[in-house]
C-alpha atoms as a PDB file:
ATOM      1  CA  MET A   1     -46.379  73.140  32.188  1.00  0.00           C
ATOM      2  CA  GLN A   2     -43.403  71.106  33.413  1.00  0.00           C
ATOM      3  CA  ARG A   3     -45.409  67.904  32.937  1.00  0.00           C
ATOM      4  CA  ASP A   4     -46.202  68.924  29.351  1.00  0.00           C
ATOM      5  CA  LEU A   5     -42.519  69.515  28.590  1.00  0.00           C
ATOM      6  CA  TRP A   6     -41.621  66.139  30.077  1.00  0.00           C
ATOM      7  CA  LEU A   7     -44.304  64.463  27.951  1.00  0.00           C
ATOM      8  CA  MET A   8     -43.128  66.245  24.792  1.00  0.00           C
ATOM      9  CA  ASP A   9     -39.572  65.118  25.502  1.00  0.00           C
ATOM     10  CA  LYS A  10     -40.680  61.491  25.896  1.00  0.00           C
ATOM     11  CA  LEU A  11     -42.732  61.683  22.698  1.00  0.00           C
ATOM     12  CA  MET A  12     -39.735  63.041  20.792  1.00  0.00           C
ATOM     13  CA  CYS A  13     -37.630  60.127  22.061  1.00  0.00           C
ATOM     14  CA  LEU A  14     -40.322  57.698  20.921  1.00  0.00           C
ATOM     15  CA  ARG A  15     -40.482  59.397  17.523  1.00  0.00           C
ATOM     16  CA  SER A  16     -36.716  59.161  17.161  1.00  0.00           C
ATOM     17  CA  LEU A  17     -36.688  55.458  18.035  1.00  0.00           C
ATOM     18  CA  GLY A  18     -39.516  54.806  15.587  1.00  0.00           C
ATOM     19  CA  ALA A  19     -37.705  56.601  12.776  1.00  0.00           C
ATOM     20  CA  LYS A  20     -34.503  54.637  13.420  1.00  0.00           C
ATOM     21  CA  ALA A  21     -36.389  51.337  13.479  1.00  0.00           C
ATOM     22  CA  PHE A  22     -38.185  52.249  10.237  1.00  0.00           C
ATOM     23  CA  MET A  23     -34.871  53.050   8.534  1.00  0.00           C
ATOM     24  CA  LEU A  24     -33.266  49.782   9.691  1.00  0.00           C
ATOM     25  CA  LEU A  25     -36.236  47.731   8.527  1.00  0.00           C
ATOM     26  CA  GLY A  26     -36.179  49.549   5.194  1.00  0.00           C
ATOM     27  CA  LEU A  27     -32.496  48.754   4.780  1.00  0.00           C
ATOM     28  CA  GLY A  28     -33.195  45.113   5.571  1.00  0.00           C
ATOM     29  CA  MET A  29     -35.949  44.993   2.965  1.00  0.00           C
ATOM     30  CA  CYS A  30     -33.592  46.543   0.397  1.00  0.00           C
ATOM     31  CA  LEU A  31     -31.018  43.870   1.179  1.00  0.00           C
ATOM     32  CA  ILE A  32     -33.674  41.205   0.666  1.00  0.00           C
ATOM     33  CA  SER A  33     -35.042  42.746  -2.537  1.00  0.00           C
ATOM     34  CA  PHE A  34     -31.802  43.599  -4.363  1.00  0.00           C
ATOM     35  CA  PRO A  35     -29.453  40.598  -4.595  1.00  0.00           C
ATOM     36  CA  GLY A  36     -26.475  42.656  -5.772  1.00  0.00           C
ATOM     37  CA  TRP A  37     -26.334  44.506  -2.457  1.00  0.00           C
ATOM     38  CA  ARG A  38     -26.024  41.312  -0.393  1.00  0.00           C
ATOM     39  CA  GLN A  39     -22.727  39.947  -1.678  1.00  0.00           C
ATOM     40  CA  PRO A  40     -20.346  42.185   0.318  1.00  0.00           C
ATOM     41  CA  LEU A  41     -22.145  41.462   3.615  1.00  0.00           C
ATOM     42  CA  PRO A  42     -20.455  39.204   6.181  1.00  0.00           C
ATOM     43  CA  GLY A  43     -21.924  35.773   6.897  1.00  0.00           C
ATOM     44  CA  PRO A  44     -23.234  36.475  10.434  1.00  0.00           C
ATOM     45  CA  LEU A  45     -25.210  39.480   9.170  1.00  0.00           C
ATOM     46  CA  LEU A  46     -26.741  37.384   6.401  1.00  0.00           C
ATOM     47  CA  GLN A  47     -27.770  34.774   8.996  1.00  0.00           C
ATOM     48  CA  ARG A  48     -29.453  37.433  11.130  1.00  0.00           C
ATOM     49  CA  LEU A  49     -31.317  38.788   8.125  1.00  0.00           C
ATOM     50  CA  GLU A  50     -32.454  35.266   7.284  1.00  0.00           C
ATOM     51  CA  ARG A  51     -33.690  34.704  10.822  1.00  0.00           C
ATOM     52  CA  PHE A  52     -35.464  38.078  10.992  1.00  0.00           C
ATOM     53  CA  TYR A  53     -37.171  38.041   7.592  1.00  0.00           C
ATOM     54  CA  GLY A  54     -37.792  34.293   7.517  1.00  0.00           C
ATOM     55  CA  SER A  55     -36.244  33.635   4.119  1.00  0.00           C
ATOM     56  CA  ARG A  56     -32.755  33.144   2.826  1.00  0.00           C
ATOM     57  CA  PRO A  57     -31.444  36.484   1.554  1.00  0.00           C
ATOM     58  CA  GLY A  58     -28.720  35.047  -0.656  1.00  0.00           C
END
């Protein structure tokens, strides 16, 4: 039973990490898709988005 609880705990951590990654990628896609949202972003963040998504976001 203790092994099952340990496994459930690890699976919940994995689920949490996956949800956070999904939300961050979704935000990045929104920044790529909607040009009006990109203007207030600082330059280094725009460069990272460009490197990650492979196209110039602005």
